[in-house]
């Protein structure tokens, strides 16, 4: 017995769409390889050492020592930390840091009450505005600490964020 397949216009449109998507992704990949962008991106990624040991630390002093090799951190009003006073969802706490300091090379965010203190560390390329924004996960109410490395010195600021349970705001 032979089977007869019935091809509907919807099935043809779906197949056409999949072929076009495949060709589009393929052409983007080929363009990236041909232009040399992909190897450059990999080289830049490999040139930055991942501070695995710093992210494994369970307290603020140990995380900073592993990240910056025993820094002397001084509080500064030139580091601006924008966080909410109350976070109704500890899974997505918005954090922004800017620094009014020359020659900033790194910005780190620490949350002392999290199981692992270091939450983020960003290398700031020369000539880039020293500002980062991200969303962090907080286990419970804690300070958020921003540490900025500039001209070989370390500056910080901190603010407390109250994490409420269940998003009730109280």
N, C-alpha and C. Protein backbone atom coordinates (compact mmCIF):
# COMPACT_ATOMS: atom_id res chain seq x y z
N UNK A 1 0.83 -1.17 0.00
CA UNK A 1 0.00 0.00 0.00
C UNK A 1 0.88 1.24 0.00
N UNK A 2 0.46 2.20 -0.71
CA UNK A 2 1.19 3.46 -0.74
C UNK A 2 0.41 4.50 0.06
N UNK A 3 1.19 5.39 0.61
CA UNK A 3 0.57 6.47 1.39
C UNK A 3 0.53 7.72 0.55
N UNK A 4 -0.48 8.48 0.77
CA UNK A 4 -0.61 9.75 0.08
C UNK A 4 -0.47 10.85 1.13
N UNK A 5 0.47 11.74 0.90
CA UNK A 5 0.66 12.85 1.83
C UNK A 5 -0.05 14.07 1.29
N UNK A 6 -0.73 14.73 2.17
CA UNK A 6 -1.42 15.95 1.79
C UNK A 6 -0.65 17.11 2.41
N UNK A 7 -0.19 18.01 1.58
CA UNK A 7 0.55 19.16 2.04
C UNK A 7 -0.38 20.36 2.05
N UNK A 8 -0.51 20.96 3.21
CA UNK A 8 -1.40 22.12 3.35
C UNK A 8 -0.60 23.40 3.17
N UNK A 9 -1.24 24.49 2.85
CA UNK A 9 -0.54 25.77 2.74
C UNK A 9 0.14 26.18 4.06
N UNK A 10 -0.46 25.85 5.20
CA UNK A 10 0.14 26.19 6.49
C UNK A 10 1.44 25.42 6.69
N UNK A 11 1.48 24.15 6.28
CA UNK A 11 2.70 23.35 6.42
C UNK A 11 3.81 23.90 5.52
N UNK A 12 3.45 24.32 4.32
CA UNK A 12 4.44 24.90 3.41
C UNK A 12 5.00 26.21 3.97
N UNK A 13 4.15 27.02 4.56
CA UNK A 13 4.59 28.29 5.14
C UNK A 13 5.54 28.04 6.30
N UNK A 14 5.24 27.02 7.11
CA UNK A 14 6.10 26.69 8.24
C UNK A 14 7.46 26.22 7.76
N UNK A 15 7.48 25.34 6.75
CA UNK A 15 8.75 24.86 6.21
C UNK A 15 9.55 26.01 5.61
N UNK A 16 8.90 26.89 4.90
CA UNK A 16 9.57 28.03 4.29
C UNK A 16 10.19 28.91 5.37
N UNK A 17 9.43 29.15 6.44
CA UNK A 17 9.91 29.98 7.54
C UNK A 17 11.15 29.35 8.20
N UNK A 18 11.13 28.03 8.41
CA UNK A 18 12.28 27.36 9.01
C UNK A 18 13.51 27.44 8.12
N UNK A 19 13.33 27.26 6.81
CA UNK A 19 14.45 27.36 5.88
C UNK A 19 15.03 28.77 5.89
N UNK A 20 14.18 29.79 5.89
CA UNK A 20 14.66 31.17 5.91
C UNK A 20 15.40 31.49 7.21
N UNK A 21 14.90 31.00 8.34
CA UNK A 21 15.59 31.22 9.61
C UNK A 21 16.96 30.55 9.61
N UNK A 22 17.02 29.33 9.11
CA UNK A 22 18.28 28.60 9.04
C UNK A 22 19.28 29.35 8.17
N UNK A 23 18.84 29.83 7.01
CA UNK A 23 19.71 30.57 6.11
C UNK A 23 20.17 31.89 6.74
N UNK A 24 19.28 32.56 7.46
CA UNK A 24 19.65 33.82 8.11
C UNK A 24 20.70 33.63 9.18
N UNK A 25 20.53 32.63 10.02
CA UNK A 25 21.50 32.36 11.07
C UNK A 25 22.83 31.92 10.46
N UNK A 26 22.77 31.10 9.43
CA UNK A 26 23.98 30.65 8.76
C UNK A 26 24.76 31.79 8.13
N UNK A 27 24.04 32.73 7.52
CA UNK A 27 24.73 33.85 6.88
C UNK A 27 25.35 34.78 7.93
N UNK A 28 24.70 34.96 9.07
CA UNK A 28 25.29 35.77 10.14
C UNK A 28 26.55 35.12 10.69
N UNK A 29 26.50 33.80 10.88
CA UNK A 29 27.68 33.09 11.38
C UNK A 29 28.83 33.17 10.37
N UNK A 30 28.53 33.00 9.10
CA UNK A 30 29.57 33.08 8.07
C UNK A 30 30.18 34.48 8.01
N UNK A 31 29.34 35.50 8.14
CA UNK A 31 29.84 36.88 8.13
C UNK A 31 30.75 37.12 9.33
N UNK A 32 30.37 36.64 10.49
CA UNK A 32 31.19 36.80 11.69
C UNK A 32 32.53 36.10 11.57
N UNK A 33 32.54 34.90 11.02
CA UNK A 33 33.80 34.18 10.84
C UNK A 33 34.67 34.85 9.80
N UNK A 34 34.05 35.29 8.69
CA UNK A 34 34.82 35.91 7.61
C UNK A 34 35.42 37.24 8.04
N UNK A 35 34.72 37.99 8.87
CA UNK A 35 35.22 39.30 9.29
C UNK A 35 36.24 39.21 10.42
N UNK A 36 36.38 38.03 11.02
CA UNK A 36 37.33 37.87 12.11
C UNK A 36 36.78 38.27 13.46
N UNK A 37 35.50 38.61 13.54
CA UNK A 37 34.90 39.06 14.80
C UNK A 37 34.92 37.95 15.85
N UNK A 38 34.58 36.74 15.47
CA UNK A 38 34.48 35.64 16.43
C UNK A 38 35.83 35.36 17.09
N UNK A 39 36.94 35.24 16.35
CA UNK A 39 38.21 35.02 17.04
C UNK A 39 38.60 36.18 17.95
N UNK A 40 38.29 37.44 17.57
CA UNK A 40 38.60 38.58 18.43
C UNK A 40 37.82 38.50 19.73
N UNK A 41 36.54 38.13 19.64
CA UNK A 41 35.72 38.03 20.84
C UNK A 41 36.26 36.95 21.77
N UNK A 42 36.69 35.83 21.19
CA UNK A 42 37.25 34.76 22.02
C UNK A 42 38.56 35.19 22.66
N UNK A 43 39.38 35.92 21.92
CA UNK A 43 40.66 36.39 22.47
C UNK A 43 40.43 37.34 23.63
N UNK A 44 39.46 38.25 23.49
CA UNK A 44 39.17 39.18 24.58
C UNK A 44 38.64 38.44 25.79
N UNK A 45 37.82 37.43 25.55
CA UNK A 45 37.25 36.65 26.65
C UNK A 45 38.34 35.89 27.38
N UNK A 46 39.30 35.34 26.67
CA UNK A 46 40.36 34.56 27.29
C UNK A 46 41.39 35.43 28.00
N UNK A 47 41.50 36.71 27.60
CA UNK A 47 42.49 37.58 28.23
C UNK A 47 42.10 37.99 29.64
N UNK A 48 40.81 37.94 29.96
CA UNK A 48 40.36 38.28 31.31
C UNK A 48 40.31 37.01 32.15
N UNK A 49 41.03 37.00 33.23
CA UNK A 49 41.05 35.84 34.10
C UNK A 49 39.78 35.81 34.95
N UNK A 50 39.12 34.69 34.97
CA UNK A 50 37.91 34.51 35.76
C UNK A 50 38.32 34.35 37.23
N UNK A 51 37.85 35.23 38.14
CA UNK A 51 38.26 35.14 39.55
C UNK A 51 37.44 34.09 40.30
N UNK A 52 37.62 32.83 39.93
CA UNK A 52 36.83 31.74 40.50
C UNK A 52 36.95 31.68 42.02
N UNK A 53 38.13 31.86 42.54
CA UNK A 53 38.34 31.80 43.99
C UNK A 53 37.58 32.91 44.72
N UNK A 54 37.54 34.10 44.13
CA UNK A 54 36.83 35.22 44.77
C UNK A 54 35.34 34.96 44.87
N UNK A 55 34.77 34.33 43.85
CA UNK A 55 33.34 34.04 43.86
C UNK A 55 32.99 32.91 44.83
N UNK A 56 33.96 32.16 45.30
CA UNK A 56 33.71 31.05 46.22
C UNK A 56 33.78 31.48 47.69
N UNK A 57 34.15 32.72 47.97
CA UNK A 57 34.33 33.17 49.35
C UNK A 57 32.99 33.44 50.04
N UNK A 58 32.98 33.23 51.34
CA UNK A 58 31.74 33.34 52.10
C UNK A 58 31.66 34.59 52.98
N UNK A 59 32.69 35.45 52.95
CA UNK A 59 32.60 36.71 53.70
C UNK A 59 33.26 37.82 52.89
N UNK A 60 32.94 39.03 53.27
CA UNK A 60 33.35 40.22 52.51
C UNK A 60 34.87 40.38 52.44
N UNK A 61 35.56 40.25 53.56
CA UNK A 61 37.01 40.44 53.59
C UNK A 61 37.73 39.40 52.73
N UNK A 62 37.30 38.15 52.83
CA UNK A 62 37.94 37.09 52.05
C UNK A 62 37.68 37.27 50.55
N UNK A 63 36.47 37.69 50.19
CA UNK A 63 36.16 37.90 48.77
C UNK A 63 36.99 39.04 48.20
N UNK A 64 37.12 40.14 48.94
CA UNK A 64 37.92 41.27 48.47
C UNK A 64 39.41 40.90 48.39
N UNK A 65 39.90 40.13 49.36
CA UNK A 65 41.30 39.71 49.34
C UNK A 65 41.58 38.80 48.14
N UNK A 66 40.64 37.91 47.82
CA UNK A 66 40.83 37.01 46.69
C UNK A 66 40.70 37.76 45.36
N UNK A 67 39.89 38.79 45.34
CA UNK A 67 39.64 39.53 44.10
C UNK A 67 40.73 40.56 43.82
N UNK A 68 41.12 41.32 44.84
CA UNK A 68 42.04 42.43 44.65
C UNK A 68 43.36 42.29 45.41
N UNK A 69 43.65 41.14 45.99
CA UNK A 69 44.89 40.89 46.71
C UNK A 69 45.09 41.85 47.89
N UNK A 70 44.24 41.72 48.89
CA UNK A 70 44.32 42.47 50.15
C UNK A 70 44.27 43.99 49.97
N UNK A 71 43.17 44.48 49.47
CA UNK A 71 43.07 45.93 49.26
C UNK A 71 42.75 46.68 50.54
N UNK A 72 43.11 47.95 50.55
CA UNK A 72 42.67 48.86 51.61
C UNK A 72 41.52 49.66 50.99
N UNK A 73 40.32 49.37 51.45
CA UNK A 73 39.12 49.97 50.87
C UNK A 73 38.66 51.12 51.75
N UNK A 74 38.48 52.29 51.15
CA UNK A 74 38.02 53.46 51.90
C UNK A 74 36.64 53.88 51.39
N UNK A 75 35.73 54.23 52.30
CA UNK A 75 34.42 54.73 51.87
C UNK A 75 34.57 56.03 51.09
N UNK A 76 33.76 56.20 50.06
CA UNK A 76 33.86 57.40 49.24
C UNK A 76 32.49 57.85 48.75
N UNK A 77 32.29 59.18 48.75
CA UNK A 77 31.05 59.72 48.22
C UNK A 77 31.13 59.86 46.69
N UNK A 78 32.25 59.50 46.09
CA UNK A 78 32.39 59.55 44.64
C UNK A 78 31.91 58.27 43.97
N UNK A 79 31.52 57.30 44.79
CA UNK A 79 30.92 56.06 44.29
C UNK A 79 29.43 56.13 44.59
N UNK A 80 28.62 56.05 43.55
CA UNK A 80 27.17 56.15 43.71
C UNK A 80 26.53 54.78 43.51
N UNK A 81 25.76 54.35 44.50
CA UNK A 81 25.08 53.06 44.47
C UNK A 81 23.58 53.30 44.51
N UNK A 82 22.89 52.83 43.50
CA UNK A 82 21.44 53.00 43.42
C UNK A 82 20.77 51.63 43.57
N UNK A 83 20.14 51.41 44.73
CA UNK A 83 19.41 50.18 45.01
C UNK A 83 18.11 50.56 45.71
N UNK A 84 17.08 49.72 45.61
CA UNK A 84 15.84 50.04 46.33
C UNK A 84 16.01 49.81 47.83
N UNK A 85 15.29 50.59 48.63
CA UNK A 85 15.33 50.38 50.08
C UNK A 85 14.65 49.07 50.44
N UNK A 86 13.56 48.76 49.72
CA UNK A 86 12.82 47.52 49.95
C UNK A 86 12.72 46.78 48.63
N UNK A 87 13.14 45.52 48.64
CA UNK A 87 13.02 44.66 47.45
C UNK A 87 11.92 43.66 47.71
N UNK A 88 10.85 43.77 46.95
CA UNK A 88 9.73 42.86 47.16
C UNK A 88 10.00 41.47 46.59
N UNK A 89 11.01 41.36 45.73
CA UNK A 89 11.39 40.07 45.19
C UNK A 89 12.91 39.99 45.24
N UNK A 90 13.44 39.20 46.15
CA UNK A 90 14.88 39.07 46.31
C UNK A 90 15.58 38.41 45.13
N UNK A 91 14.82 37.81 44.23
CA UNK A 91 15.42 37.15 43.08
C UNK A 91 15.87 38.13 42.01
N UNK A 92 15.32 39.34 41.99
CA UNK A 92 15.67 40.32 40.95
C UNK A 92 15.75 41.71 41.57
N UNK A 93 16.85 42.00 42.22
CA UNK A 93 17.05 43.31 42.85
C UNK A 93 17.87 44.18 41.90
N UNK A 94 17.30 45.29 41.40
CA UNK A 94 18.04 46.14 40.47
C UNK A 94 19.13 46.93 41.20
N UNK A 95 20.33 46.93 40.62
CA UNK A 95 21.48 47.61 41.20
C UNK A 95 22.19 48.40 40.11
N UNK A 96 22.54 49.66 40.41
CA UNK A 96 23.32 50.48 39.49
C UNK A 96 24.45 51.14 40.27
N UNK A 97 25.63 51.16 39.65
CA UNK A 97 26.81 51.78 40.27
C UNK A 97 27.45 52.71 39.25
N UNK A 98 27.78 53.92 39.69
CA UNK A 98 28.56 54.85 38.88
C UNK A 98 29.68 55.39 39.76
N UNK A 99 30.78 55.76 39.12
CA UNK A 99 31.92 56.28 39.86
C UNK A 99 32.41 57.56 39.23
N UNK A 100 32.54 58.60 40.04
CA UNK A 100 33.07 59.88 39.58
C UNK A 100 34.55 59.94 39.92
N UNK A 101 35.28 58.92 39.47
CA UNK A 101 36.71 58.78 39.73
C UNK A 101 37.44 58.58 38.40
N UNK A 102 38.67 59.06 38.29
CA UNK A 102 39.43 58.83 37.05
C UNK A 102 40.05 57.43 37.02
N UNK A 103 40.22 56.90 35.83
CA UNK A 103 40.93 55.63 35.60
C UNK A 103 40.35 54.45 36.36
N UNK A 104 39.03 54.29 36.30
CA UNK A 104 38.37 53.14 36.95
C UNK A 104 38.67 51.90 36.11
N UNK A 105 39.13 50.83 36.77
CA UNK A 105 39.44 49.59 36.06
C UNK A 105 38.53 48.42 36.45
N UNK A 106 37.84 48.52 37.58
CA UNK A 106 36.95 47.43 37.99
C UNK A 106 35.88 47.94 38.95
N UNK A 107 34.72 47.29 38.89
CA UNK A 107 33.64 47.55 39.84
C UNK A 107 33.15 46.18 40.32
N UNK A 108 33.10 46.00 41.64
CA UNK A 108 32.63 44.75 42.22
C UNK A 108 31.41 45.01 43.10
N UNK A 109 30.49 44.06 43.11
CA UNK A 109 29.30 44.14 43.97
C UNK A 109 29.31 42.95 44.92
N UNK A 110 29.16 43.24 46.20
CA UNK A 110 29.17 42.20 47.21
C UNK A 110 27.89 42.27 48.04
N UNK A 111 27.41 41.10 48.45
CA UNK A 111 26.24 41.01 49.32
C UNK A 111 26.65 40.11 50.49
N UNK A 112 27.04 40.71 51.62
CA UNK A 112 27.59 39.93 52.73
C UNK A 112 26.70 38.83 53.28
N UNK A 113 25.38 38.98 53.21
CA UNK A 113 24.48 37.97 53.77
C UNK A 113 24.13 36.85 52.81
N UNK A 114 24.59 36.91 51.56
CA UNK A 114 24.36 35.82 50.62
C UNK A 114 25.30 34.65 50.96
N UNK A 115 24.95 33.43 50.54
CA UNK A 115 25.84 32.29 50.81
C UNK A 115 27.26 32.50 50.25
N UNK A 116 27.37 33.11 49.08
CA UNK A 116 28.65 33.49 48.51
C UNK A 116 28.61 35.00 48.32
N UNK A 117 29.54 35.70 48.94
CA UNK A 117 29.48 37.15 49.08
C UNK A 117 29.60 37.92 47.77
N UNK A 118 30.57 37.57 46.93
CA UNK A 118 30.79 38.31 45.69
C UNK A 118 29.68 37.99 44.70
N UNK A 119 28.92 39.02 44.30
CA UNK A 119 27.80 38.82 43.39
C UNK A 119 28.15 39.15 41.95
N UNK A 120 29.03 40.14 41.74
CA UNK A 120 29.40 40.54 40.38
C UNK A 120 30.72 41.28 40.42
N UNK A 121 31.48 41.13 39.34
CA UNK A 121 32.73 41.87 39.19
C UNK A 121 32.88 42.21 37.72
N UNK A 122 32.99 43.49 37.42
CA UNK A 122 33.08 43.94 36.03
C UNK A 122 34.40 44.65 35.80
N UNK A 123 35.10 44.26 34.76
CA UNK A 123 36.32 44.96 34.35
C UNK A 123 35.88 46.12 33.46
N UNK A 124 36.39 47.31 33.72
CA UNK A 124 36.01 48.50 32.97
C UNK A 124 37.16 48.85 32.02
N UNK A 125 36.96 48.72 30.71
CA UNK A 125 38.03 49.06 29.77
C UNK A 125 38.37 50.55 29.80
N UNK A 126 39.60 50.87 29.47
CA UNK A 126 40.05 52.26 29.44
C UNK A 126 39.19 53.05 28.46
N UNK A 127 38.81 54.26 28.87
CA UNK A 127 37.99 55.12 28.02
C UNK A 127 36.50 54.85 28.12
N UNK A 128 36.10 53.93 28.99
CA UNK A 128 34.69 53.58 29.16
C UNK A 128 34.13 54.31 30.38
N UNK A 129 32.89 54.73 30.29
CA UNK A 129 32.25 55.37 31.44
C UNK A 129 32.12 54.34 32.56
N UNK A 130 32.58 54.66 33.76
CA UNK A 130 32.53 53.70 34.86
C UNK A 130 31.12 53.60 35.46
N UNK A 131 30.27 52.82 34.80
CA UNK A 131 28.90 52.64 35.26
C UNK A 131 28.44 51.24 34.88
N UNK A 132 27.77 50.57 35.82
CA UNK A 132 27.19 49.27 35.53
C UNK A 132 25.78 49.21 36.11
N UNK A 133 24.95 48.40 35.51
CA UNK A 133 23.60 48.14 36.01
C UNK A 133 23.33 46.66 35.82
N UNK A 134 22.72 46.05 36.82
CA UNK A 134 22.38 44.63 36.72
C UNK A 134 21.28 44.32 37.72
N UNK A 135 20.87 43.09 37.74
CA UNK A 135 19.91 42.60 38.73
C UNK A 135 20.58 41.47 39.49
N UNK A 136 20.52 41.55 40.80
CA UNK A 136 21.17 40.57 41.65
C UNK A 136 20.15 39.79 42.46
N UNK A 137 20.55 38.62 42.87
CA UNK A 137 19.70 37.80 43.73
C UNK A 137 20.18 37.96 45.16
N UNK A 138 19.24 38.26 46.05
CA UNK A 138 19.56 38.43 47.46
C UNK A 138 18.79 37.40 48.28
N UNK A 139 19.51 36.67 49.12
CA UNK A 139 18.88 35.63 49.93
C UNK A 139 18.01 36.22 51.04
N UNK A 140 18.47 37.35 51.61
CA UNK A 140 17.73 37.99 52.70
C UNK A 140 18.20 39.43 52.83
N UNK A 141 17.62 40.16 53.77
CA UNK A 141 17.99 41.55 54.00
C UNK A 141 19.49 41.65 54.26
N UNK A 142 20.13 42.58 53.55
CA UNK A 142 21.58 42.72 53.66
C UNK A 142 22.02 44.06 53.10
N UNK A 143 23.25 44.42 53.40
CA UNK A 143 23.88 45.54 52.71
C UNK A 143 24.26 45.08 51.32
N UNK A 144 24.26 46.02 50.38
CA UNK A 144 24.87 45.81 49.07
C UNK A 144 26.08 46.71 49.06
N UNK A 145 27.25 46.15 48.77
CA UNK A 145 28.50 46.89 48.81
C UNK A 145 29.06 47.01 47.40
N UNK A 146 29.37 48.24 47.00
CA UNK A 146 30.03 48.48 45.71
C UNK A 146 31.47 48.88 45.99
N UNK A 147 32.41 48.19 45.35
CA UNK A 147 33.83 48.50 45.50
C UNK A 147 34.36 48.85 44.11
N UNK A 148 35.01 50.01 44.01
CA UNK A 148 35.54 50.50 42.74
C UNK A 148 37.06 50.56 42.83
N UNK A 149 37.72 50.00 41.82
CA UNK A 149 39.17 50.08 41.73
C UNK A 149 39.51 51.20 40.75
N UNK A 150 40.25 52.20 41.21
CA UNK A 150 40.63 53.35 40.38
C UNK A 150 42.04 53.79 40.74
N UNK A 151 42.89 53.90 39.75
CA UNK A 151 44.28 54.31 39.96
C UNK A 151 44.98 53.47 41.02
N UNK A 152 44.67 52.19 41.08
CA UNK A 152 45.33 51.30 42.04
C UNK A 152 44.82 51.42 43.46
N UNK A 153 43.80 52.25 43.69
CA UNK A 153 43.20 52.41 45.02
C UNK A 153 41.78 51.86 44.97
N UNK A 154 41.20 51.65 46.16
CA UNK A 154 39.89 51.03 46.26
C UNK A 154 38.94 51.90 47.06
N UNK A 155 37.77 52.14 46.49
CA UNK A 155 36.76 53.00 47.10
C UNK A 155 35.45 52.21 47.18
N UNK A 156 34.66 52.51 48.21
CA UNK A 156 33.42 51.75 48.36
C UNK A 156 32.28 52.61 48.89
N UNK A 157 31.11 52.05 48.76
CA UNK A 157 29.90 52.59 49.38
C UNK A 157 28.98 51.41 49.64
N UNK A 158 28.05 51.57 50.55
CA UNK A 158 27.12 50.48 50.87
C UNK A 158 25.76 51.04 51.23
N UNK A 159 24.75 50.25 50.92
CA UNK A 159 23.38 50.60 51.30
C UNK A 159 22.65 49.30 51.67
N UNK A 160 21.78 49.40 52.66
CA UNK A 160 21.01 48.23 53.05
C UNK A 160 19.76 48.10 52.19
N UNK A 161 19.46 46.85 51.81
CA UNK A 161 18.25 46.53 51.07
C UNK A 161 17.45 45.53 51.91
N UNK A 162 16.21 45.89 52.21
CA UNK A 162 15.34 45.00 52.98
C UNK A 162 14.59 44.11 52.00
N UNK A 163 14.79 42.81 52.11
CA UNK A 163 14.12 41.85 51.24
C UNK A 163 12.89 41.34 51.98
N UNK A 164 11.72 41.55 51.37
CA UNK A 164 10.48 41.10 51.99
C UNK A 164 10.11 39.73 51.43
N UNK A 165 9.42 38.96 52.22
CA UNK A 165 8.99 37.64 51.77
C UNK A 165 7.64 37.72 51.12
N UNK A 166 7.49 37.09 50.00
CA UNK A 166 6.20 37.01 49.33
C UNK A 166 5.76 38.29 48.64
N UNK A 167 6.64 39.26 48.59
CA UNK A 167 6.31 40.49 47.87
C UNK A 167 5.23 41.33 48.54
N UNK A 168 5.08 41.22 49.87
CA UNK A 168 4.01 41.94 50.54
C UNK A 168 4.43 43.35 50.95
N UNK A 169 5.71 43.69 50.78
CA UNK A 169 6.16 45.05 51.05
C UNK A 169 6.17 45.45 52.50
N UNK A 170 6.11 44.51 53.43
CA UNK A 170 6.08 44.90 54.83
C UNK A 170 7.12 44.33 55.68
